[in-house]
Amino acid sequence: MISNVNESDNLARMQRGELYYAFSPDLVAARKRCARIVNKLNNASDPTRREMAEFWRQITNDPAPLPSPFSPNPSDEAEDATLHAYPWIERPIAIDYGTNIKVGSNVFINFNCTFLDTCLVTIGSRVLVGPNVSFYSGTHPVDPYVRNGTSGPESGRPISIGDDCWIAGHVVILPGVTIGEGCTVGAGSVVTKVGILILCWIETDSSLVGLGCSAVSCCRGESSEDSAQD
């Protein structure tokens, strides 16, 4: 653990995407806080929709209380409508900090998803996230002498997913990626900024498949059930 850092400056550098030290006492404590709540969520026995939403509220450190139910004994449908601002989560899930994740309404996150939210990970409304999807907003220096194991600095860049996207199974989204509204990202794709024909900005209403995610077609108004798989 690195103790000789200015914690407030270190946190600000992390949030700005600059080099910072992840193993400072405050950031280690922040990850442990998140891990404790995520562990409770992952091991909860058949949580209700409201219990799931409360776990998410705690993970993201949202100060706003959950909205009250419509009635003393609301139906599942009524609770789902009331709690639409909180994602539906299939467990298990892995999250680094939780406080750097912003999710829109009516979002579904399938099992085994990973959020390395070093920088802000923003997911729009009505987004479907398939199983084993990874959001990697953190990265490390490529110079091994600078990287220096747990004693060296790291950095990150924000990730943004627009409304009405479908991120199919086993997709990896790397730091600095923005995906526009209405996109489909095919199963197994790696969305990155590195290399020729690999897109950082993905245009609205595109279907994307394969390593590097070249845009192959506009999918609005078309039947595209076979273009990607959860």
C-alpha atoms as a PDB file:
ATOM      1  CA  MET A   1       0.000   0.000   0.000  1.00  0.00           C
ATOM      2  CA  ILE A   2       1.229   3.502  -0.870  1.00  0.00           C
ATOM      3  CA  SER A   3       0.732   5.925   2.014  1.00  0.00           C
ATOM      4  CA  ASN A   4       2.796   8.950   0.968  1.00  0.00           C
ATOM      5  CA  VAL A   5       0.251  10.445  -1.456  1.00  0.00           C
ATOM      6  CA  ASN A   6      -2.157  13.342  -1.200  1.00  0.00           C
ATOM      7  CA  GLU A   7      -5.451  11.429  -1.207  1.00  0.00           C
ATOM      8  CA  SER A   8      -7.679  14.229  -2.493  1.00  0.00           C
ATOM      9  CA  ASP A   9      -5.274  15.049  -5.316  1.00  0.00           C
ATOM     10  CA  ASN A  10      -4.842  11.345  -6.099  1.00  0.00           C
ATOM     11  CA  LEU A  11      -8.624  10.866  -6.357  1.00  0.00           C
ATOM     12  CA  ALA A  12      -8.971  13.947  -8.559  1.00  0.00           C
ATOM     13  CA  ARG A  13      -6.257  12.644 -10.878  1.00  0.00           C
ATOM     14  CA  MET A  14      -8.043   9.286 -11.148  1.00  0.00           C
ATOM     15  CA  GLN A  15     -11.323  10.968 -12.022  1.00  0.00           C
ATOM     16  CA  ARG A  16      -9.622  13.144 -14.658  1.00  0.00           C
ATOM     17  CA  GLY A  17      -8.018  10.096 -16.294  1.00  0.00           C
ATOM     18  CA  GLU A  18      -4.491  11.064 -15.267  1.00  0.00           C
ATOM     19  CA  LEU A  19      -1.852   8.862 -13.651  1.00  0.00           C
ATOM     20  CA  TYR A  20      -2.740   8.090 -10.033  1.00  0.00           C
ATOM     21  CA  TYR A  21      -1.955   5.451  -7.406  1.00  0.00           C
ATOM     22  CA  ALA A  22      -4.656   2.807  -6.983  1.00  0.00           C
ATOM     23  CA  PHE A  23      -3.106   1.340  -3.838  1.00  0.00           C
ATOM     24  CA  SER A  24      -3.436   4.417  -1.659  1.00  0.00           C
ATOM     25  CA  PRO A  25      -5.257   3.786   1.657  1.00  0.00           C
ATOM     26  CA  ASP A  26      -8.394   5.703   0.639  1.00  0.00           C
ATOM     27  CA  LEU A  27      -8.799   3.964  -2.719  1.00  0.00           C
ATOM     28  CA  VAL A  28      -8.133   0.526  -1.244  1.00  0.00           C
ATOM     29  CA  ALA A  29     -10.820   1.289   1.353  1.00  0.00           C
ATOM     30  CA  ALA A  30     -13.208   2.456  -1.383  1.00  0.00           C
ATOM     31  CA  ARG A  31     -12.795  -0.806  -3.286  1.00  0.00           C
ATOM     32  CA  LYS A  32     -13.274  -2.824  -0.103  1.00  0.00           C
ATOM     33  CA  ARG A  33     -16.483  -0.902   0.643  1.00  0.00           C
ATOM     34  CA  CYS A  34     -17.834  -1.779  -2.783  1.00  0.00           C
ATOM     35  CA  ALA A  35     -16.660  -5.390  -2.545  1.00  0.00           C
ATOM     36  CA  ARG A  36     -18.537  -5.929   0.715  1.00  0.00           C
ATOM     37  CA  ILE A  37     -21.841  -4.775  -0.774  1.00  0.00           C
ATOM     38  CA  VAL A  38     -21.318  -6.630  -4.058  1.00  0.00           C
ATOM     39  CA  ASN A  39     -20.587  -9.790  -2.078  1.00  0.00           C
ATOM     40  CA  LYS A  40     -23.872  -9.374  -0.191  1.00  0.00           C
ATOM     41  CA  LEU A  41     -25.739  -8.915  -3.474  1.00  0.00           C
ATOM     42  CA  ASN A  42     -24.075 -11.919  -5.082  1.00  0.00           C
ATOM     43  CA  ASN A  43     -24.860 -14.143  -2.110  1.00  0.00           C
ATOM     44  CA  ALA A  44     -28.365 -12.900  -1.326  1.00  0.00           C
ATOM     45  CA  SER A  45     -30.997 -15.624  -1.430  1.00  0.00           C
ATOM     46  CA  ASP A  46     -33.590 -14.766  -4.085  1.00  0.00           C
ATOM     47  CA  PRO A  47     -33.625 -10.976  -3.508  1.00  0.00           C
ATOM     48  CA  THR A  48     -36.764  -9.041  -4.346  1.00  0.00           C
ATOM     49  CA  ARG A  49     -36.727  -6.303  -6.966  1.00  0.00           C
ATOM     50  CA  ARG A  50     -36.625  -3.726  -4.153  1.00  0.00           C
ATOM     51  CA  GLU A  51     -33.772  -5.481  -2.368  1.00  0.00           C
ATOM     52  CA  MET A  52     -31.833  -5.615  -5.633  1.00  0.00           C
ATOM     53  CA  ALA A  53     -32.393  -1.893  -6.156  1.00  0.00           C
ATOM     54  CA  GLU A  54     -31.252  -1.140  -2.611  1.00  0.00           C
ATOM     55  CA  PHE A  55     -28.047  -3.091  -3.161  1.00  0.00           C
ATOM     56  CA  TRP A  56     -27.417  -1.054  -6.320  1.00  0.00           C
ATOM     57  CA  ARG A  57     -28.140   2.193  -4.470  1.00  0.00           C
ATOM     58  CA  GLN A  58     -25.537   1.260  -1.877  1.00  0.00           C
ATOM     59  CA  ILE A  59     -22.982   0.080  -4.443  1.00  0.00           C
ATOM     60  CA  THR A  60     -23.181   3.375  -6.346  1.00  0.00           C
ATOM     61  CA  ASN A  61     -23.374   5.341  -3.087  1.00  0.00           C
ATOM     62  CA  ASP A  62     -26.525   7.104  -4.267  1.00  0.00           C
ATOM     63  CA  PRO A  63     -27.792   9.333  -1.423  1.00  0.00           C
ATOM     64  CA  ALA A  64     -31.373   9.365  -2.720  1.00  0.00           C
ATOM     65  CA  PRO A  65     -33.698   6.852  -1.044  1.00  0.00           C
ATOM     66  CA  LEU A  66     -35.629   4.343  -3.106  1.00  0.00           C
ATOM     67  CA  PRO A  67     -39.078   5.518  -4.235  1.00  0.00           C
ATOM     68  CA  SER A  68     -41.910   4.300  -2.051  1.00  0.00           C
ATOM     69  CA  PRO A  69     -44.054   1.401  -3.315  1.00  0.00           C
ATOM     70  CA  PHE A  70     -47.465   2.122  -4.811  1.00  0.00           C
ATOM     71  CA  SER A  71     -49.211   0.069  -2.131  1.00  0.00           C
ATOM     72  CA  PRO A  72     -48.414  -1.916   1.045  1.00  0.00           C
ATOM     73  CA  ASN A  73     -48.230  -5.167  -0.946  1.00  0.00           C
ATOM     74  CA  PRO A  74     -47.315  -4.199  -4.512  1.00  0.00           C
ATOM     75  CA  SER A  75     -47.159  -6.734  -7.309  1.00  0.00           C
ATOM     76  CA  ASP A  76     -43.879  -7.585  -8.996  1.00  0.00           C
ATOM     77  CA  GLU A  77     -44.987  -5.594 -12.032  1.00  0.00           C
ATOM     78  CA  ALA A  78     -45.787  -2.553  -9.893  1.00  0.00           C
ATOM     79  CA  GLU A  79     -42.429  -2.716  -8.137  1.00  0.00           C
ATOM     80  CA  ASP A  80     -40.602  -3.052 -11.443  1.00  0.00           C
ATOM     81  CA  ALA A  81     -42.373   0.060 -12.715  1.00  0.00           C
ATOM     82  CA  THR A  82     -41.573   1.963  -9.525  1.00  0.00           C
ATOM     83  CA  LEU A  83     -37.908   0.958  -9.552  1.00  0.00           C
ATOM     84  CA  HIS A  84     -37.206   1.339 -13.287  1.00  0.00           C
ATOM     85  CA  ALA A  85     -34.288   3.680 -12.545  1.00  0.00           C
ATOM     86  CA  TYR A  86     -32.359   0.798 -10.975  1.00  0.00           C
ATOM     87  CA  PRO A  87     -30.918  -1.945 -13.189  1.00  0.00           C
ATOM     88  CA  TRP A  88     -32.155  -5.508 -13.238  1.00  0.00           C
ATOM     89  CA  ILE A  89     -29.076  -7.589 -12.367  1.00  0.00           C
ATOM     90  CA  GLU A  90     -28.399 -11.262 -12.876  1.00  0.00           C
ATOM     91  CA  ARG A  91     -25.716 -12.358 -10.459  1.00  0.00           C
ATOM     92  CA  PRO A  92     -22.809 -12.619  -9.969  1.00  0.00           C
ATOM     93  CA  ILE A  93     -21.442  -9.201 -10.816  1.00  0.00           C
ATOM     94  CA  ALA A  94     -17.977  -7.702 -10.206  1.00  0.00           C
ATOM     95  CA  ILE A  95     -17.465  -3.982  -9.574  1.00  0.00           C
ATOM     96  CA  ASP A  96     -14.363  -2.005  -8.608  1.00  0.00           C
ATOM     97  CA  TYR A  97     -15.664   1.196  -6.970  1.00  0.00           C
ATOM     98  CA  GLY A  98     -19.347   1.494  -7.879  1.00  0.00           C
ATOM     99  CA  THR A  99     -19.334   5.248  -7.373  1.00  0.00           C
ATOM    100  CA  ASN A 100     -18.210   5.818 -10.977  1.00  0.00           C
ATOM    101  CA  ILE A 101     -21.131   4.001 -12.624  1.00  0.00           C
ATOM    102  CA  LYS A 102     -24.169   5.881 -13.942  1.00  0.00           C
ATOM    103  CA  VAL A 103     -27.038   3.836 -15.384  1.00  0.00           C
ATOM    104  CA  GLY A 104     -30.253   4.978 -17.069  1.00  0.00           C
ATOM    105  CA  SER A 105     -33.704   3.492 -16.601  1.00  0.00           C
ATOM    106  CA  ASN A 106     -34.916   0.039 -17.684  1.00  0.00           C
ATOM    107  CA  VAL A 107     -31.425  -1.466 -17.946  1.00  0.00           C
ATOM    108  CA  PHE A 108     -30.699  -5.208 -17.813  1.00  0.00           C
ATOM    109  CA  ILE A 109     -27.273  -6.558 -16.796  1.00  0.00           C
ATOM    110  CA  ASN A 110     -26.776 -10.284 -17.318  1.00  0.00           C
ATOM    111  CA  PHE A 111     -24.575 -12.517 -15.171  1.00  0.00           C
ATOM    112  CA  ASN A 112     -20.781 -12.378 -14.806  1.00  0.00           C
ATOM    113  CA  CYS A 113     -20.428  -8.755 -15.898  1.00  0.00           C
ATOM    114  CA  THR A 114     -17.393  -6.759 -14.757  1.00  0.00           C
ATOM    115  CA  PHE A 115     -17.144  -3.015 -14.167  1.00  0.00           C
ATOM    116  CA  LEU A 116     -13.671  -1.557 -13.691  1.00  0.00           C
ATOM    117  CA  ASP A 117     -14.974   1.938 -13.019  1.00  0.00           C
ATOM    118  CA  THR A 118     -11.699   3.784 -12.536  1.00  0.00           C
ATOM    119  CA  CYS A 119     -13.292   6.553 -14.586  1.00  0.00           C
ATOM    120  CA  LEU A 120     -16.976   7.130 -15.213  1.00  0.00           C
ATOM    121  CA  VAL A 121     -18.881   4.302 -16.914  1.00  0.00           C
ATOM    122  CA  THR A 122     -22.163   5.672 -18.254  1.00  0.00           C
ATOM    123  CA  ILE A 123     -24.909   3.384 -19.580  1.00  0.00           C
ATOM    124  CA  GLY A 124     -28.011   4.916 -21.141  1.00  0.00           C
ATOM    125  CA  SER A 125     -31.632   3.878 -20.795  1.00  0.00           C
ATOM    126  CA  ARG A 126     -33.127   0.640 -22.164  1.00  0.00           C
ATOM    127  CA  VAL A 127     -29.694  -0.937 -22.604  1.00  0.00           C
ATOM    128  CA  LEU A 128     -29.329  -4.731 -22.586  1.00  0.00           C
ATOM    129  CA  VAL A 129     -25.971  -6.060 -21.391  1.00  0.00           C
ATOM    130  CA  GLY A 130     -25.265  -9.719 -22.158  1.00  0.00           C
ATOM    131  CA  PRO A 131     -23.414 -12.210 -19.959  1.00  0.00           C
ATOM    132  CA  ASN A 132     -19.674 -11.932 -19.367  1.00  0.00           C
ATOM    133  CA  VAL A 133     -19.476  -8.354 -20.654  1.00  0.00           C
ATOM    134  CA  SER A 134     -16.542  -6.317 -19.321  1.00  0.00           C
ATOM    135  CA  PHE A 135     -16.328  -2.537 -19.022  1.00  0.00           C
ATOM    136  CA  TYR A 136     -12.653  -1.644 -18.554  1.00  0.00           C
ATOM    137  CA  SER A 137     -12.258   2.083 -17.932  1.00  0.00           C
ATOM    138  CA  GLY A 138      -8.902   1.528 -16.200  1.00  0.00           C
ATOM    139  CA  THR A 139      -5.542   0.939 -17.842  1.00  0.00           C
ATOM    140  CA  HIS A 140      -1.822   0.759 -17.027  1.00  0.00           C
ATOM    141  CA  PRO A 141       1.369   2.263 -18.475  1.00  0.00           C
ATOM    142  CA  VAL A 142       2.940   0.029 -21.115  1.00  0.00           C
ATOM    143  CA  ASP A 143       6.448   0.859 -19.853  1.00  0.00           C
ATOM    144  CA  PRO A 144       7.149  -1.851 -17.239  1.00  0.00           C
ATOM    145  CA  TYR A 145       9.465   0.434 -15.260  1.00  0.00           C
ATOM    146  CA  VAL A 146       6.711   3.024 -14.901  1.00  0.00           C
ATOM    147  CA  ARG A 147       4.032   0.364 -14.340  1.00  0.00           C
ATOM    148  CA  ASN A 148       6.045  -1.093 -11.433  1.00  0.00           C
ATOM    149  CA  GLY A 149       3.470  -3.584 -10.145  1.00  0.00           C
ATOM    150  CA  THR A 150       1.279  -2.378  -7.287  1.00  0.00           C
ATOM    151  CA  SER A 151       3.745   0.427  -6.506  1.00  0.00           C
ATOM    152  CA  GLY A 152       3.344   2.203  -9.830  1.00  0.00           C
ATOM    153  CA  PRO A 153       0.656   4.489 -11.230  1.00  0.00           C
ATOM    154  CA  GLU A 154      -2.269   3.669 -13.470  1.00  0.00           C
ATOM    155  CA  SER A 155      -4.909   5.699 -15.280  1.00  0.00           C
ATOM    156  CA  GLY A 156      -8.210   5.461 -17.084  1.00  0.00           C
ATOM    157  CA  ARG A 157     -10.653   7.018 -19.524  1.00  0.00           C
ATOM    158  CA  PRO A 158     -14.454   7.170 -19.375  1.00  0.00           C
ATOM    159  CA  ILE A 159     -16.776   4.766 -21.184  1.00  0.00           C
ATOM    160  CA  SER A 160     -20.165   5.840 -22.508  1.00  0.00           C
ATOM    161  CA  ILE A 161     -22.967   3.635 -23.867  1.00  0.00           C
ATOM    162  CA  GLY A 162     -25.926   5.400 -25.494  1.00  0.00           C
ATOM    163  CA  ASP A 163     -29.613   4.655 -25.042  1.00  0.00           C
ATOM    164  CA  ASP A 164     -31.227   1.558 -26.586  1.00  0.00           C
ATOM    165  CA  CYS A 165     -28.022  -0.426 -27.130  1.00  0.00           C
ATOM    166  CA  TRP A 166     -27.589  -4.187 -26.994  1.00  0.00           C
ATOM    167  CA  ILE A 167     -24.150  -5.298 -25.828  1.00  0.00           C
ATOM    168  CA  ALA A 168     -24.105  -9.046 -26.493  1.00  0.00           C
ATOM    169  CA  GLY A 169     -22.229 -11.706 -24.530  1.00  0.00           C
ATOM    170  CA  HIS A 170     -18.465 -11.702 -23.937  1.00  0.00           C
ATOM    171  CA  VAL A 171     -17.987  -8.155 -25.277  1.00  0.00           C
ATOM    172  CA  VAL A 172     -15.005  -6.218 -23.911  1.00  0.00           C
ATOM    173  CA  ILE A 173     -15.216  -2.415 -23.917  1.00  0.00           C
ATOM    174  CA  LEU A 174     -11.901  -0.641 -23.379  1.00  0.00           C
ATOM    175  CA  PRO A 175     -11.062   2.795 -21.913  1.00  0.00           C
ATOM    176  CA  GLY A 176     -12.228   5.883 -23.773  1.00  0.00           C
ATOM    177  CA  VAL A 177     -14.879   4.167 -25.910  1.00  0.00           C
ATOM    178  CA  THR A 178     -18.179   5.867 -26.749  1.00  0.00           C
ATOM    179  CA  ILE A 179     -20.983   3.802 -28.305  1.00  0.00           C
ATOM    180  CA  GLY A 180     -23.825   5.793 -29.842  1.00  0.00           C
ATOM    181  CA  GLU A 181     -27.555   5.277 -29.383  1.00  0.00           C
ATOM    182  CA  GLY A 182     -29.288   2.211 -30.770  1.00  0.00           C
ATOM    183  CA  CYS A 183     -26.152   0.144 -31.459  1.00  0.00           C
ATOM    184  CA  THR A 184     -25.802  -3.623 -31.354  1.00  0.00           C
ATOM    185  CA  VAL A 185     -22.348  -4.964 -30.466  1.00  0.00           C
ATOM    186  CA  GLY A 186     -21.998  -8.604 -31.510  1.00  0.00           C
ATOM    187  CA  ALA A 187     -20.943 -11.374 -29.136  1.00  0.00           C
ATOM    188  CA  GLY A 188     -17.212 -11.654 -28.486  1.00  0.00           C
ATOM    189  CA  SER A 189     -16.368  -8.199 -29.834  1.00  0.00           C
ATOM    190  CA  VAL A 190     -13.522  -6.138 -28.411  1.00  0.00           C
ATOM    191  CA  VAL A 191     -14.313  -2.434 -28.693  1.00  0.00           C
ATOM    192  CA  THR A 192     -11.080  -0.443 -28.604  1.00  0.00           C
ATOM    193  CA  LYS A 193      -9.356   2.633 -30.008  1.00  0.00           C
ATOM    194  CA  VAL A 194      -6.220   0.822 -31.137  1.00  0.00           C
ATOM    195  CA  GLY A 195      -5.489  -0.085 -34.738  1.00  0.00           C
ATOM    196  CA  ILE A 196      -6.802   0.498 -38.261  1.00  0.00           C
ATOM    197  CA  LEU A 197     -10.520  -0.108 -38.847  1.00  0.00           C
ATOM    198  CA  ILE A 198     -11.199  -0.188 -35.124  1.00  0.00           C
ATOM    199  CA  LEU A 199     -13.682   2.425 -33.978  1.00  0.00           C
ATOM    200  CA  CYS A 200     -13.543   4.598 -30.886  1.00  0.00           C
ATOM    201  CA  TRP A 201     -16.785   6.380 -31.798  1.00  0.00           C
ATOM    202  CA  ILE A 202     -19.501   4.065 -33.026  1.00  0.00           C
ATOM    203  CA  GLU A 203     -22.189   5.823 -34.996  1.00  0.00           C
ATOM    204  CA  THR A 204     -25.812   5.733 -33.957  1.00  0.00           C
ATOM    205  CA  ASP A 205     -27.952   2.798 -35.159  1.00  0.00           C
ATOM    206  CA  SER A 206     -25.057   0.552 -36.146  1.00  0.00           C
ATOM    207  CA  SER A 207     -24.615  -3.193 -35.817  1.00  0.00           C
ATOM    208  CA  LEU A 208     -21.104  -4.248 -34.857  1.00  0.00           C
ATOM    209  CA  VAL A 209     -19.557  -7.677 -34.880  1.00  0.00           C
ATOM    210  CA  GLY A 210     -16.170  -9.255 -34.319  1.00  0.00           C
ATOM    211  CA  LEU A 211     -12.777  -8.151 -33.099  1.00  0.00           C
ATOM    212  CA  GLY A 212     -12.439  -4.417 -33.583  1.00  0.00           C
ATOM    213  CA  CYS A 213     -16.130  -3.839 -34.174  1.00  0.00           C
ATOM    214  CA  SER A 214     -16.231  -2.364 -37.676  1.00  0.00           C
ATOM    215  CA  ALA A 215     -19.710  -1.008 -38.333  1.00  0.00           C
ATOM    216  CA  VAL A 216     -21.431  -3.325 -40.793  1.00  0.00           C
ATOM    217  CA  SER A 217     -25.015  -2.139 -41.071  1.00  0.00           C
ATOM    218  CA  CYS A 218     -27.745   0.110 -39.793  1.00  0.00           C
ATOM    219  CA  CYS A 219     -30.250  -1.958 -37.862  1.00  0.00           C
ATOM    220  CA  ARG A 220     -33.155   0.404 -37.142  1.00  0.00           C
ATOM    221  CA  GLY A 221     -36.378  -1.018 -38.518  1.00  0.00           C
ATOM    222  CA  GLU A 222     -34.692  -4.243 -39.629  1.00  0.00           C
ATOM    223  CA  SER A 223     -34.910  -7.753 -38.251  1.00  0.00           C
ATOM    224  CA  SER A 224     -31.503  -8.491 -36.733  1.00  0.00           C
ATOM    225  CA  GLU A 225     -32.148 -11.393 -34.361  1.00  0.00           C
ATOM    226  CA  ASP A 226     -29.296 -13.390 -35.889  1.00  0.00           C
ATOM    227  CA  SER A 227     -26.728 -10.583 -35.915  1.00  0.00           C
ATOM    228  CA  ALA A 228     -25.623 -10.987 -32.309  1.00  0.00           C
ATOM    229  CA  GLN A 229     -26.027 -13.462 -29.528  1.00  0.00           C
ATOM    230  CA  ASP A 230     -26.373 -13.008 -25.784  1.00  0.00           C
END
